[in-house]
N, C-alpha and C. Protein backbone atom coordinates (compact mmCIF):
# COMPACT_ATOMS: atom_id res chain seq x y z
N MET A 1 0.72 -1.34 0.12
CA MET A 1 0.19 -0.06 -0.29
C MET A 1 0.89 1.14 -0.25
N PRO A 2 0.57 2.04 -1.32
CA PRO A 2 1.23 3.77 -0.69
C PRO A 2 1.17 4.36 0.68
N GLU A 3 2.82 4.63 0.76
CA GLU A 3 2.41 5.54 1.86
C GLU A 3 1.48 6.48 2.24
N SER A 4 0.79 7.30 1.19
CA SER A 4 -0.01 8.43 1.26
C SER A 4 -1.33 7.61 1.92
N ARG A 5 -1.99 6.36 1.44
CA ARG A 5 -3.29 5.55 1.51
C ARG A 5 -3.30 5.16 2.74
N LYS A 6 -1.67 4.44 3.24
CA LYS A 6 -1.54 4.12 4.54
C LYS A 6 -1.70 5.26 5.35
N ALA A 7 -1.49 6.37 5.31
CA ALA A 7 -1.48 7.91 6.30
C ALA A 7 -2.68 8.20 6.46
N PHE A 8 -3.46 8.07 5.38
CA PHE A 8 -4.67 8.12 4.80
C PHE A 8 -5.72 7.11 6.04
N HIS A 9 -5.80 5.74 5.56
CA HIS A 9 -6.46 4.85 6.44
C HIS A 9 -6.12 4.71 8.19
N GLU A 10 -4.86 5.60 8.57
CA GLU A 10 -4.70 5.70 9.60
C GLU A 10 -5.41 6.98 10.47
N GLU A 11 -5.27 7.76 9.30
CA GLU A 11 -6.32 8.87 10.27
C GLU A 11 -8.18 8.55 9.90
N LEU A 12 -8.27 7.95 9.24
CA LEU A 12 -9.62 7.27 9.34
C LEU A 12 -9.47 6.35 10.94
N ASP A 13 -8.63 5.82 10.66
CA ASP A 13 -8.68 4.92 12.27
C ASP A 13 -9.09 6.15 13.30
N GLU A 14 -8.34 7.25 13.69
CA GLU A 14 -8.22 8.20 14.57
C GLU A 14 -9.30 8.99 14.75
N LEU A 15 -10.17 9.00 13.51
CA LEU A 15 -11.02 9.71 13.54
C LEU A 15 -12.33 9.11 14.20
N ARG A 16 -12.36 7.53 13.92
CA ARG A 16 -13.33 6.61 14.16
C ARG A 16 -13.24 6.62 15.65
N SER A 17 -11.66 6.58 16.31
CA SER A 17 -11.62 6.40 17.53
C SER A 17 -11.79 7.71 18.27
N ASP A 18 -11.88 8.89 17.49
CA ASP A 18 -12.10 10.37 18.43
C ASP A 18 -13.84 10.51 18.67
N VAL A 19 -14.39 9.88 17.68
CA VAL A 19 -15.83 9.67 17.38
C VAL A 19 -16.65 8.70 18.74
N VAL A 20 -15.98 7.92 19.20
CA VAL A 20 -15.86 7.00 20.09
C VAL A 20 -15.81 8.03 21.52
N ARG A 21 -14.84 8.59 21.43
CA ARG A 21 -14.34 9.17 22.33
C ARG A 21 -15.38 10.37 23.03
N LEU A 22 -15.83 10.69 21.92
CA LEU A 22 -16.85 11.81 21.96
C LEU A 22 -18.14 11.08 22.70
N GLY A 23 -18.61 10.14 21.74
CA GLY A 23 -19.66 9.30 22.36
C GLY A 23 -19.76 8.90 23.93
N ALA A 24 -18.48 8.61 24.56
CA ALA A 24 -18.15 8.47 26.03
C ALA A 24 -18.14 9.73 26.93
N MET A 25 -17.95 10.80 25.93
CA MET A 25 -18.34 11.96 26.93
C MET A 25 -19.76 12.51 26.91
N VAL A 26 -20.50 12.03 26.11
CA VAL A 26 -21.74 12.13 25.93
C VAL A 26 -22.59 11.40 26.87
N VAL A 27 -21.98 10.40 26.86
CA VAL A 27 -22.95 9.67 27.91
C VAL A 27 -22.68 9.46 29.74
N GLU A 28 -21.45 10.27 29.60
CA GLU A 28 -21.50 10.56 30.90
C GLU A 28 -22.02 11.74 31.13
N ALA A 29 -21.99 12.97 30.32
CA ALA A 29 -23.17 13.89 30.25
C ALA A 29 -24.37 13.64 30.86
N VAL A 30 -24.90 12.30 29.95
CA VAL A 30 -26.28 12.04 30.25
C VAL A 30 -26.53 11.92 31.84
N GLN A 31 -25.24 11.20 32.68
CA GLN A 31 -25.53 10.78 33.69
C GLN A 31 -25.36 12.02 34.69
N ALA A 32 -24.38 12.69 34.56
CA ALA A 32 -24.06 13.88 35.52
C ALA A 32 -25.27 14.92 35.05
N ALA A 33 -25.87 15.15 33.89
CA ALA A 33 -26.90 16.07 33.93
C ALA A 33 -28.35 15.55 34.57
N THR A 34 -28.51 14.12 34.52
CA THR A 34 -29.89 13.87 34.95
C THR A 34 -29.75 13.83 36.37
N ALA A 35 -28.19 13.67 37.20
CA ALA A 35 -27.97 13.67 38.45
C ALA A 35 -27.83 15.21 39.05
N ALA A 36 -27.62 15.99 38.37
CA ALA A 36 -27.85 17.65 38.87
C ALA A 36 -29.34 17.84 38.92
N LEU A 37 -29.84 17.37 38.03
CA LEU A 37 -31.43 17.65 37.96
C LEU A 37 -32.15 16.95 38.95
N LEU A 38 -31.93 15.77 39.27
CA LEU A 38 -32.62 15.05 40.56
C LEU A 38 -32.29 15.65 41.59
N SER A 39 -31.03 16.00 41.80
CA SER A 39 -30.96 16.31 42.97
C SER A 39 -30.74 18.12 43.45
N LEU A 40 -31.11 18.41 42.32
CA LEU A 40 -30.93 19.88 42.06
C LEU A 40 -29.65 20.29 42.74
N ASP A 41 -28.92 20.16 42.31
CA ASP A 41 -27.07 20.56 42.51
C ASP A 41 -26.81 21.57 41.27
N LEU A 42 -26.94 22.71 41.84
CA LEU A 42 -26.49 23.93 40.67
C LEU A 42 -24.92 23.74 40.34
N ALA A 43 -24.42 23.20 41.54
CA ALA A 43 -22.87 23.18 41.04
C ALA A 43 -22.22 22.05 40.35
N GLN A 44 -23.04 20.96 40.18
CA GLN A 44 -23.17 19.79 39.25
C GLN A 44 -23.71 20.40 38.04
N ALA A 45 -24.66 20.92 38.30
CA ALA A 45 -24.94 21.66 36.68
C ALA A 45 -24.07 22.43 36.16
N GLU A 46 -23.29 23.14 36.51
CA GLU A 46 -22.51 24.08 35.97
C GLU A 46 -21.56 23.34 35.42
N GLN A 47 -21.18 22.27 36.35
CA GLN A 47 -20.12 21.35 35.59
C GLN A 47 -20.18 21.00 34.49
N VAL A 48 -21.62 20.51 34.12
CA VAL A 48 -22.19 19.87 32.79
C VAL A 48 -21.95 21.02 31.89
N VAL A 49 -22.29 22.17 32.12
CA VAL A 49 -22.22 23.26 31.15
C VAL A 49 -20.65 23.57 30.64
N ALA A 50 -20.22 23.39 31.64
CA ALA A 50 -18.60 23.82 31.38
C ALA A 50 -17.85 22.40 30.30
N SER A 51 -18.41 21.18 30.96
CA SER A 51 -18.00 20.39 30.43
C SER A 51 -18.03 19.98 28.76
N CYS A 52 -19.25 20.97 28.42
CA CYS A 52 -19.58 20.80 27.34
C CYS A 52 -18.53 21.72 26.33
N GLU A 53 -17.59 22.44 26.67
CA GLU A 53 -16.65 23.07 26.02
C GLU A 53 -15.96 22.16 25.30
N ALA A 54 -15.14 21.13 25.81
CA ALA A 54 -14.75 20.00 25.70
C ALA A 54 -15.17 19.23 24.68
N ALA A 55 -16.02 18.77 24.97
CA ALA A 55 -16.73 18.24 23.98
C ALA A 55 -17.29 18.95 22.48
N ASP A 56 -17.70 20.32 22.85
CA ASP A 56 -17.45 20.44 21.43
C ASP A 56 -16.07 20.97 20.71
N ALA A 57 -14.87 21.18 21.28
CA ALA A 57 -13.83 21.01 20.67
C ALA A 57 -13.60 20.35 19.90
N LEU A 58 -13.91 19.31 20.59
CA LEU A 58 -13.33 17.62 20.22
C LEU A 58 -14.23 17.07 18.61
N SER A 59 -15.23 18.02 18.89
CA SER A 59 -16.47 17.54 18.12
C SER A 59 -15.96 18.84 16.82
N ALA A 60 -15.62 19.31 17.03
CA ALA A 60 -14.89 20.40 15.98
C ALA A 60 -13.89 20.16 15.43
N SER A 61 -12.77 19.42 16.28
CA SER A 61 -11.93 18.67 15.80
C SER A 61 -11.76 17.58 14.44
N ILE A 62 -13.11 16.76 15.16
CA ILE A 62 -13.18 15.72 14.19
C ILE A 62 -13.74 16.14 12.62
N GLU A 63 -15.06 17.39 13.00
CA GLU A 63 -15.26 18.04 11.48
C GLU A 63 -14.14 18.27 10.88
N ASP A 64 -13.11 19.06 11.56
CA ASP A 64 -12.31 19.86 10.67
C ASP A 64 -11.31 18.83 10.00
N ARG A 65 -11.01 17.84 10.57
CA ARG A 65 -10.41 16.60 10.00
C ARG A 65 -10.69 15.91 8.56
N CYS A 66 -12.38 16.17 8.85
CA CYS A 66 -12.90 15.74 7.95
C CYS A 66 -12.44 16.02 6.44
N TYR A 67 -13.00 17.46 6.95
CA TYR A 67 -12.94 18.40 5.72
C TYR A 67 -11.91 17.88 5.16
N LYS A 68 -10.94 18.18 5.85
CA LYS A 68 -9.21 18.18 5.11
C LYS A 68 -8.92 16.55 4.47
N LEU A 69 -9.54 15.83 4.93
CA LEU A 69 -9.48 14.30 4.00
C LEU A 69 -10.06 14.55 3.06
N LEU A 70 -11.33 14.87 2.88
CA LEU A 70 -12.03 15.24 2.13
C LEU A 70 -11.05 15.80 0.70
N ALA A 71 -10.75 16.65 1.26
CA ALA A 71 -9.88 17.91 0.04
C ALA A 71 -8.70 17.49 -0.46
N ARG A 72 -7.65 16.74 0.69
CA ARG A 72 -6.68 16.27 0.27
C ARG A 72 -6.97 14.71 -0.61
N GLN A 73 -7.71 13.61 0.02
CA GLN A 73 -7.49 12.42 -0.68
C GLN A 73 -8.49 12.26 -1.93
N GLN A 74 -9.45 13.16 -1.48
CA GLN A 74 -11.12 12.92 -2.95
C GLN A 74 -11.45 11.39 -2.82
N PRO A 75 -11.57 10.94 -1.69
CA PRO A 75 -11.93 8.96 -1.26
C PRO A 75 -13.00 9.01 -1.95
N MET A 76 -13.30 7.78 -2.27
CA MET A 76 -14.10 6.79 -3.25
C MET A 76 -15.16 6.21 -2.43
N ALA A 77 -16.07 5.78 -3.09
CA ALA A 77 -16.34 4.01 -2.16
C ALA A 77 -16.81 4.39 -0.65
N VAL A 78 -15.94 2.99 -0.10
CA VAL A 78 -16.16 2.88 1.09
C VAL A 78 -16.13 3.91 2.26
N ASP A 79 -14.40 4.32 1.48
CA ASP A 79 -13.91 5.55 2.38
C ASP A 79 -14.71 6.48 2.31
N LEU A 80 -15.54 7.44 1.24
CA LEU A 80 -16.23 8.52 1.60
C LEU A 80 -17.52 8.24 1.90
N ARG A 81 -18.10 6.97 1.99
CA ARG A 81 -19.26 6.57 3.38
C ARG A 81 -18.59 6.89 4.41
N THR A 82 -17.46 6.38 4.55
CA THR A 82 -16.74 6.36 6.44
C THR A 82 -17.11 7.76 6.51
N ILE A 83 -16.24 8.43 5.79
CA ILE A 83 -16.20 10.07 6.42
C ILE A 83 -17.60 10.93 6.23
N VAL A 84 -18.32 10.37 5.86
CA VAL A 84 -19.66 11.18 5.70
C VAL A 84 -20.28 10.71 7.00
N ALA A 85 -20.24 9.48 7.17
CA ALA A 85 -20.58 8.84 8.09
C ALA A 85 -20.51 9.37 9.94
N ILE A 86 -18.96 9.65 9.96
CA ILE A 86 -18.38 10.17 11.03
C ILE A 86 -19.12 11.07 11.35
N LEU A 87 -18.99 12.25 10.01
CA LEU A 87 -19.27 13.63 10.01
C LEU A 87 -20.92 13.85 10.50
N ARG A 88 -21.81 12.56 10.50
CA ARG A 88 -23.07 12.69 10.39
C ARG A 88 -23.09 12.12 11.96
N VAL A 89 -22.45 11.34 12.36
CA VAL A 89 -22.23 10.81 13.56
C VAL A 89 -21.99 11.96 14.87
N ASN A 90 -20.73 12.69 14.26
CA ASN A 90 -19.90 13.73 15.31
C ASN A 90 -21.33 15.11 15.42
N HIS A 91 -22.11 15.19 14.49
CA HIS A 91 -22.99 16.19 14.70
C HIS A 91 -24.31 15.09 15.40
N GLU A 92 -24.58 14.23 15.35
CA GLU A 92 -25.71 13.79 16.27
C GLU A 92 -25.46 13.78 17.84
N LEU A 93 -24.18 13.58 18.06
CA LEU A 93 -23.21 13.75 18.93
C LEU A 93 -23.45 14.83 19.86
N GLU A 94 -23.00 15.62 19.05
CA GLU A 94 -22.36 16.94 19.11
C GLU A 94 -24.11 17.74 20.07
N LEU A 95 -25.27 17.22 19.28
CA LEU A 95 -26.57 17.60 19.54
C LEU A 95 -27.15 17.26 20.80
N THR A 96 -26.91 16.04 21.08
CA THR A 96 -27.13 14.99 21.94
C THR A 96 -26.38 16.16 23.39
N GLU A 97 -25.06 16.29 23.27
CA GLU A 97 -24.30 16.85 24.23
C GLU A 97 -25.16 18.16 24.80
N HIS A 98 -25.83 18.99 23.85
CA HIS A 98 -26.28 20.29 23.95
C HIS A 98 -27.61 19.82 24.86
N LEU A 99 -28.35 18.80 24.28
CA LEU A 99 -29.49 18.51 24.95
C LEU A 99 -29.45 18.17 26.30
N MET A 100 -28.09 17.73 26.83
CA MET A 100 -28.30 17.31 28.23
C MET A 100 -27.51 18.82 29.30
N VAL A 101 -26.34 19.33 28.20
CA VAL A 101 -27.13 21.03 29.02
C VAL A 101 -27.99 21.04 29.37
N SER A 102 -28.87 21.60 28.41
CA SER A 102 -30.35 21.49 28.54
C SER A 102 -31.28 21.23 29.94
N VAL A 103 -30.94 19.97 29.92
CA VAL A 103 -31.87 19.04 31.09
C VAL A 103 -30.44 19.79 32.40
N ALA A 104 -29.45 20.07 32.25
CA ALA A 104 -28.67 20.46 33.40
C ALA A 104 -29.41 21.82 33.70
N LYS A 105 -29.86 22.83 33.08
CA LYS A 105 -29.62 23.79 33.19
C LYS A 105 -31.40 23.89 33.50
N ALA A 106 -31.63 22.34 33.40
CA ALA A 106 -33.52 23.15 34.23
C ALA A 106 -33.07 22.91 35.55
N ALA A 107 -32.38 22.80 36.04
CA ALA A 107 -31.99 22.52 37.77
C ALA A 107 -32.05 24.11 38.15
N ARG A 108 -31.88 24.72 37.17
CA ARG A 108 -31.77 26.16 37.63
C ARG A 108 -33.08 26.41 37.71
N ARG A 109 -33.55 26.31 37.00
CA ARG A 109 -35.40 26.71 36.64
C ARG A 109 -36.05 26.17 37.82
N LEU A 110 -36.04 24.84 38.24
CA LEU A 110 -36.68 24.04 38.93
C LEU A 110 -36.20 24.18 40.46
N TYR A 111 -34.97 24.31 40.80
CA TYR A 111 -34.72 24.52 42.30
C TYR A 111 -35.60 26.30 42.98
N PRO A 112 -35.66 26.12 44.57
CA PRO A 112 -35.42 25.03 45.16
C PRO A 112 -36.37 23.84 45.33
N ASN A 113 -37.35 23.93 44.32
CA ASN A 113 -38.50 22.75 44.71
C ASN A 113 -38.10 21.63 43.65
N ARG A 114 -38.10 20.51 44.71
CA ARG A 114 -37.87 19.44 44.41
C ARG A 114 -38.77 18.52 43.96
N LEU A 115 -38.71 17.71 42.76
CA LEU A 115 -39.51 16.63 42.20
C LEU A 115 -40.07 15.62 42.88
N GLU A 116 -41.88 14.98 42.61
CA GLU A 116 -42.18 14.23 43.22
C GLU A 116 -40.94 12.94 42.84
N PRO A 117 -41.23 11.97 43.96
CA PRO A 117 -40.66 10.90 43.70
C PRO A 117 -41.46 9.98 42.61
N ARG A 118 -42.45 10.07 42.11
CA ARG A 118 -43.12 9.58 40.77
C ARG A 118 -41.92 10.41 39.45
N LEU A 119 -42.21 11.72 39.03
CA LEU A 119 -41.26 12.25 38.75
C LEU A 119 -39.71 12.04 38.21
N ARG A 120 -39.47 11.98 39.66
CA ARG A 120 -37.98 11.23 39.83
C ARG A 120 -37.89 9.96 39.03
N GLY A 121 -38.73 9.42 39.29
CA GLY A 121 -38.55 7.67 38.70
C GLY A 121 -38.33 7.82 37.19
N ILE A 122 -39.80 8.52 37.21
CA ILE A 122 -39.80 8.28 35.24
C ILE A 122 -38.44 8.91 34.80
N ILE A 123 -38.15 10.21 35.05
CA ILE A 123 -36.68 10.64 34.65
C ILE A 123 -35.71 9.84 35.13
N ASP A 124 -35.57 8.87 35.90
CA ASP A 124 -34.09 8.07 35.99
C ASP A 124 -34.67 6.96 34.79
N ARG A 125 -35.48 6.77 34.54
CA ARG A 125 -35.86 5.85 33.68
C ARG A 125 -35.54 5.88 32.31
N MET A 126 -35.58 7.14 31.97
CA MET A 126 -35.66 7.92 30.84
C MET A 126 -33.57 8.68 30.77
N ARG A 127 -33.50 8.36 31.30
CA ARG A 127 -31.82 8.51 31.53
C ARG A 127 -31.37 7.56 31.26
N GLU A 128 -31.91 6.12 32.22
CA GLU A 128 -31.53 4.92 31.78
C GLU A 128 -31.55 4.28 30.21
N GLN A 129 -32.74 4.76 29.96
CA GLN A 129 -32.84 4.38 28.32
C GLN A 129 -32.05 5.18 27.33
N ALA A 130 -31.99 6.39 27.62
CA ALA A 130 -31.31 6.89 26.89
C ALA A 130 -29.52 6.53 26.51
N THR A 131 -29.55 6.55 28.22
CA THR A 131 -27.93 5.86 28.29
C THR A 131 -27.78 4.32 27.41
N ASP A 132 -28.67 3.66 27.26
CA ASP A 132 -28.66 2.50 26.73
C ASP A 132 -28.62 2.38 25.28
N GLN A 133 -29.74 3.31 24.84
CA GLN A 133 -29.56 3.48 23.26
C GLN A 133 -28.48 4.44 22.62
N LEU A 134 -27.61 5.15 23.52
CA LEU A 134 -26.59 5.81 23.40
C LEU A 134 -25.56 4.69 23.08
N GLU A 135 -25.17 4.15 24.21
CA GLU A 135 -24.40 3.34 24.42
C GLU A 135 -24.20 1.97 23.12
N LEU A 136 -25.52 1.88 22.85
CA LEU A 136 -25.54 0.41 21.57
C LEU A 136 -25.23 1.30 20.25
N ALA A 137 -25.69 2.58 20.41
CA ALA A 137 -25.03 3.41 18.81
C ALA A 137 -23.35 3.56 18.58
N ILE A 138 -23.00 3.81 19.76
CA ILE A 138 -21.60 3.84 19.62
C ILE A 138 -21.09 2.48 19.18
N ASP A 139 -21.55 1.51 20.28
CA ASP A 139 -20.98 0.34 19.69
C ASP A 139 -21.24 -0.01 18.64
N ALA A 140 -22.38 0.20 17.87
CA ALA A 140 -22.80 -0.38 17.02
C ALA A 140 -21.38 0.31 15.63
N PHE A 141 -21.38 2.17 16.02
CA PHE A 141 -20.52 2.78 15.08
C PHE A 141 -18.96 2.32 15.74
N ALA A 142 -18.63 1.53 16.71
CA ALA A 142 -17.16 1.29 16.86
C ALA A 142 -17.24 -0.04 16.12
N ASP A 143 -18.13 -0.90 16.52
CA ASP A 143 -17.52 -2.47 15.71
C ASP A 143 -18.05 -2.75 14.02
N LEU A 144 -18.69 -1.45 13.72
CA LEU A 144 -19.14 -1.79 12.18
C LEU A 144 -20.40 -2.73 12.34
N ASP A 145 -21.20 -2.71 12.92
CA ASP A 145 -22.33 -3.54 13.09
C ASP A 145 -23.84 -2.86 12.50
N PRO A 146 -23.92 -3.78 11.52
CA PRO A 146 -25.19 -3.16 11.24
C PRO A 146 -26.77 -4.15 11.75
N ALA A 147 -26.41 -5.15 12.53
CA ALA A 147 -27.63 -5.76 13.32
C ALA A 147 -28.22 -4.67 14.64
N LYS A 148 -26.98 -4.58 15.82
CA LYS A 148 -26.61 -3.49 16.84
C LYS A 148 -27.54 -2.12 15.98
N ALA A 149 -26.94 -1.53 15.22
CA ALA A 149 -27.83 -0.15 14.18
C ALA A 149 -29.29 -0.04 14.29
N ALA A 150 -29.69 -1.81 13.50
CA ALA A 150 -31.21 -1.89 13.18
C ALA A 150 -31.77 -1.90 14.59
N ALA A 151 -31.56 -2.22 15.41
CA ALA A 151 -31.90 -2.56 17.07
C ALA A 151 -32.50 -1.15 17.58
N LEU A 152 -31.81 -0.16 17.11
CA LEU A 152 -32.09 0.94 17.86
C LEU A 152 -33.60 1.62 17.79
N SER A 153 -33.99 1.26 16.36
CA SER A 153 -35.54 2.31 16.11
C SER A 153 -36.37 1.15 16.93
N ASP A 154 -36.18 0.05 17.49
CA ASP A 154 -37.26 -1.04 17.76
C ASP A 154 -36.83 -0.35 19.44
N MET A 155 -36.11 -0.31 20.13
CA MET A 155 -35.83 0.59 21.57
C MET A 155 -36.38 2.01 21.25
N ASP A 156 -36.69 2.89 20.55
CA ASP A 156 -37.02 4.01 20.46
C ASP A 156 -38.48 3.80 20.89
N ASP A 157 -39.21 3.31 20.81
CA ASP A 157 -40.31 3.21 20.98
C ASP A 157 -40.36 2.82 22.74
N SER A 158 -39.48 2.74 23.66
CA SER A 158 -39.54 2.56 25.19
C SER A 158 -39.52 3.75 25.71
N MET A 159 -38.79 4.75 24.75
CA MET A 159 -38.37 6.42 25.41
C MET A 159 -39.97 6.95 25.05
N GLY A 160 -40.42 7.12 23.81
CA GLY A 160 -41.78 7.54 23.69
C GLY A 160 -42.78 6.92 24.55
N GLU A 161 -42.69 5.58 24.72
CA GLU A 161 -43.54 5.08 26.39
C GLU A 161 -43.45 6.06 27.77
N LEU A 162 -42.03 6.45 28.01
CA LEU A 162 -41.78 6.65 28.96
C LEU A 162 -42.22 8.55 28.91
N GLN A 163 -41.54 8.87 27.55
CA GLN A 163 -42.37 10.48 28.05
C GLN A 163 -43.80 10.74 27.93
N LYS A 164 -44.62 9.49 27.18
CA LYS A 164 -45.98 9.84 27.86
C LYS A 164 -46.43 9.46 29.32
N SER A 165 -45.70 8.56 29.72
CA SER A 165 -46.16 8.38 31.29
C SER A 165 -45.63 9.30 31.95
N LEU A 166 -44.35 10.58 31.48
CA LEU A 166 -44.19 11.74 32.37
C LEU A 166 -45.18 13.21 32.35
N PHE A 167 -45.56 13.04 30.67
CA PHE A 167 -46.63 14.02 30.54
C PHE A 167 -47.80 13.83 31.11
N ARG A 168 -48.22 12.72 31.36
CA ARG A 168 -49.64 12.04 32.08
C ARG A 168 -49.51 12.72 33.65
N ALA A 169 -48.30 12.07 34.19
CA ALA A 169 -47.97 12.46 35.81
C ALA A 169 -47.83 14.16 35.96
N ILE A 170 -46.88 14.80 35.16
CA ILE A 170 -47.31 16.39 35.54
C ILE A 170 -48.32 17.11 35.18
N PHE A 171 -49.17 16.76 34.79
CA PHE A 171 -50.64 17.15 34.51
C PHE A 171 -52.01 16.53 34.69
N ALA A 172 -51.48 15.63 35.87
CA ALA A 172 -52.21 14.98 36.78
C ALA A 172 -53.03 15.63 37.89
N ASP A 173 -52.43 16.82 38.12
CA ASP A 173 -53.13 17.40 39.42
C ASP A 173 -54.06 18.65 38.70
N PRO A 174 -55.41 18.12 39.25
CA PRO A 174 -56.64 18.90 38.47
C PRO A 174 -57.01 20.35 38.52
N ALA A 175 -56.24 20.78 39.68
CA ALA A 175 -56.14 22.16 39.84
C ALA A 175 -55.00 22.66 40.06
N PRO A 176 -53.99 22.69 39.50
CA PRO A 176 -52.59 23.21 39.36
C PRO A 176 -52.57 24.93 39.85
N ASP A 177 -51.32 25.06 40.36
CA ASP A 177 -51.63 26.47 40.83
C ASP A 177 -50.54 26.99 39.81
N GLU A 178 -49.83 28.45 39.94
CA GLU A 178 -49.13 28.85 38.44
C GLU A 178 -47.85 28.41 39.18
N GLY A 179 -47.36 27.85 40.24
CA GLY A 179 -45.90 27.75 40.48
C GLY A 179 -45.75 26.01 39.74
N THR A 180 -46.88 25.68 40.38
CA THR A 180 -47.15 24.09 39.64
C THR A 180 -47.26 23.92 38.17
N LEU A 181 -47.96 24.66 37.28
CA LEU A 181 -47.74 25.05 35.95
C LEU A 181 -46.49 24.68 35.27
N GLN A 182 -45.31 26.05 36.15
CA GLN A 182 -44.09 26.47 35.82
C GLN A 182 -43.42 25.32 35.78
N ARG A 183 -43.29 24.66 36.79
CA ARG A 183 -42.64 23.18 36.95
C ARG A 183 -42.83 22.17 36.11
N ALA A 184 -44.36 21.96 35.75
CA ALA A 184 -44.67 21.08 34.62
C ALA A 184 -44.22 21.33 33.17
N VAL A 185 -43.82 22.70 33.19
CA VAL A 185 -43.57 23.10 31.93
C VAL A 185 -42.07 22.73 31.80
N GLN A 186 -41.13 22.86 32.65
CA GLN A 186 -40.28 22.18 32.74
C GLN A 186 -40.07 20.65 33.03
N VAL A 187 -40.54 20.19 33.72
CA VAL A 187 -40.53 18.99 33.41
C VAL A 187 -40.22 18.07 31.98
N ALA A 188 -41.85 18.78 31.58
CA ALA A 188 -42.12 18.45 30.14
C ALA A 188 -40.96 18.83 28.68
N LEU A 189 -40.43 20.06 29.25
CA LEU A 189 -39.12 20.22 28.35
C LEU A 189 -38.22 19.32 28.41
N VAL A 190 -38.11 18.93 29.81
CA VAL A 190 -36.93 17.74 30.03
C VAL A 190 -37.05 16.78 29.34
N ALA A 191 -38.52 15.81 29.37
CA ALA A 191 -38.92 14.69 28.70
C ALA A 191 -38.38 14.57 27.64
N ARG A 192 -38.70 16.17 26.69
CA ARG A 192 -38.49 16.45 25.18
C ARG A 192 -37.00 16.18 25.23
N PHE A 193 -36.01 16.62 25.67
CA PHE A 193 -35.01 16.75 25.85
C PHE A 193 -34.60 15.11 26.03
N PHE A 194 -34.64 14.29 26.50
CA PHE A 194 -34.63 12.77 26.62
C PHE A 194 -34.87 12.48 24.89
N GLU A 195 -35.95 12.62 24.99
CA GLU A 195 -36.54 11.99 23.71
C GLU A 195 -35.96 12.26 22.40
N ARG A 196 -35.66 13.76 22.65
CA ARG A 196 -34.70 14.11 21.29
C ARG A 196 -33.05 13.08 21.05
N SER A 197 -32.81 12.93 22.99
CA SER A 197 -31.59 12.51 22.63
C SER A 197 -31.94 11.16 21.96
N ALA A 198 -32.24 10.19 22.53
CA ALA A 198 -32.99 8.67 21.43
C ALA A 198 -33.10 9.09 20.26
N ASP A 199 -33.92 9.98 19.71
CA ASP A 199 -33.74 10.08 17.86
C ASP A 199 -32.35 10.45 18.00
N HIS A 200 -31.63 11.10 18.04
CA HIS A 200 -29.95 10.90 17.73
C HIS A 200 -29.70 9.33 17.74
N ALA A 201 -29.67 8.69 19.01
CA ALA A 201 -29.03 7.33 18.39
C ALA A 201 -29.27 6.61 17.36
N VAL A 202 -30.81 6.95 17.30
CA VAL A 202 -31.41 6.12 15.88
C VAL A 202 -30.79 6.60 14.90
N ASN A 203 -30.39 8.08 14.72
CA ASN A 203 -29.90 8.33 13.60
C ASN A 203 -28.56 8.12 13.47
N ILE A 204 -27.71 8.01 14.57
CA ILE A 204 -26.30 7.27 14.10
C ILE A 204 -26.31 5.94 13.88
N GLY A 205 -27.60 5.13 14.55
CA GLY A 205 -27.54 3.66 13.81
C GLY A 205 -27.89 4.03 12.19
N GLU A 206 -28.69 4.71 11.89
CA GLU A 206 -29.04 4.65 10.14
C GLU A 206 -27.53 5.19 9.44
N ARG A 207 -26.79 5.88 10.36
CA ARG A 207 -25.60 6.35 9.93
C ARG A 207 -24.50 5.21 9.58
N VAL A 208 -24.62 4.32 10.60
CA VAL A 208 -23.75 2.93 10.65
C VAL A 208 -24.49 1.98 9.35
N SER A 209 -25.65 1.95 9.32
CA SER A 209 -26.01 1.18 8.00
C SER A 209 -25.41 1.60 7.28
N PHE A 210 -25.63 2.69 7.00
CA PHE A 210 -25.17 3.37 5.38
C PHE A 210 -23.73 3.33 5.45
N MET A 211 -22.98 3.52 6.25
CA MET A 211 -21.64 3.03 6.42
C MET A 211 -21.06 1.82 5.79
N VAL A 212 -21.90 0.76 6.52
CA VAL A 212 -21.48 -0.33 6.15
C VAL A 212 -21.69 -1.05 4.75
N THR A 213 -23.41 -0.76 4.60
CA THR A 213 -23.75 -1.27 3.38
C THR A 213 -23.66 -0.32 2.45
N GLY A 214 -23.67 0.57 2.38
CA GLY A 214 -24.34 1.95 1.36
C GLY A 214 -25.62 2.13 0.92
N GLN A 215 -26.46 1.59 1.55
CA GLN A 215 -27.70 2.01 2.03
C GLN A 215 -28.08 3.08 2.63
N LEU A 216 -28.74 4.11 2.02
CA LEU A 216 -29.35 5.09 2.42
C LEU A 216 -30.62 4.75 3.52
N PRO A 217 -30.78 4.96 4.98
CA PRO A 217 -32.09 4.69 5.45
C PRO A 217 -33.19 4.73 4.53
N SER A 218 -33.82 6.09 3.90
CA SER A 218 -34.94 6.48 3.27
C SER A 218 -35.07 4.97 1.47
N ALA A 219 -33.63 4.49 1.50
CA ALA A 219 -33.64 3.24 0.58
C ALA A 219 -34.08 1.74 1.33
N ALA A 220 -34.30 2.10 2.87
CA ALA A 220 -33.88 0.65 3.38
C ALA A 220 -35.53 -0.01 3.19
N VAL A 221 -35.46 -0.97 2.83
CA VAL A 221 -37.24 -1.89 2.68
C VAL A 221 -37.76 -2.45 4.23
């Protein structure tokens, strides 16, 4: 193999490794943001917001290096699909990180009013579901495994059911006061943030399938 092609594939491998590393950072953000919300720990919420800068820097580096590879190497076929998939997966992870920052910031808006045990339980289950889907998506990407990627869309139904359960719980009070309504709105937004994070995991799965098989999601049978 010519040295230029060897160097190209080494750079691709480094990019894929950095995407996996970014995924691990986002998984950590899911845990930390949820913990900050459930405990109304404002200091921990600030740490989640601050950690977003490191993830954004890594994401920007991945994107920049992908564009440079496209410009220098003009890859074809599988290599081109890999770079395009890396760019898309990188973007999905960056968006998920920002969603978790929004979850952490919700702790500020809810403070000092703690959530009821039922709401806390559902949100914690949403954290677990988001984590499971995100970790599976990252594993599918790391292993180039379309079977794992395909399982993500089925898992997404569980997040949808959790979101419905949370909506029912927050609007169960027949005569809420103004403060209760404000808290309900914040919790409803949190539910949306988790639901969108699960959608991003599904999108990652679709990009993995494209990278491996060359088949676009819209072309799937």
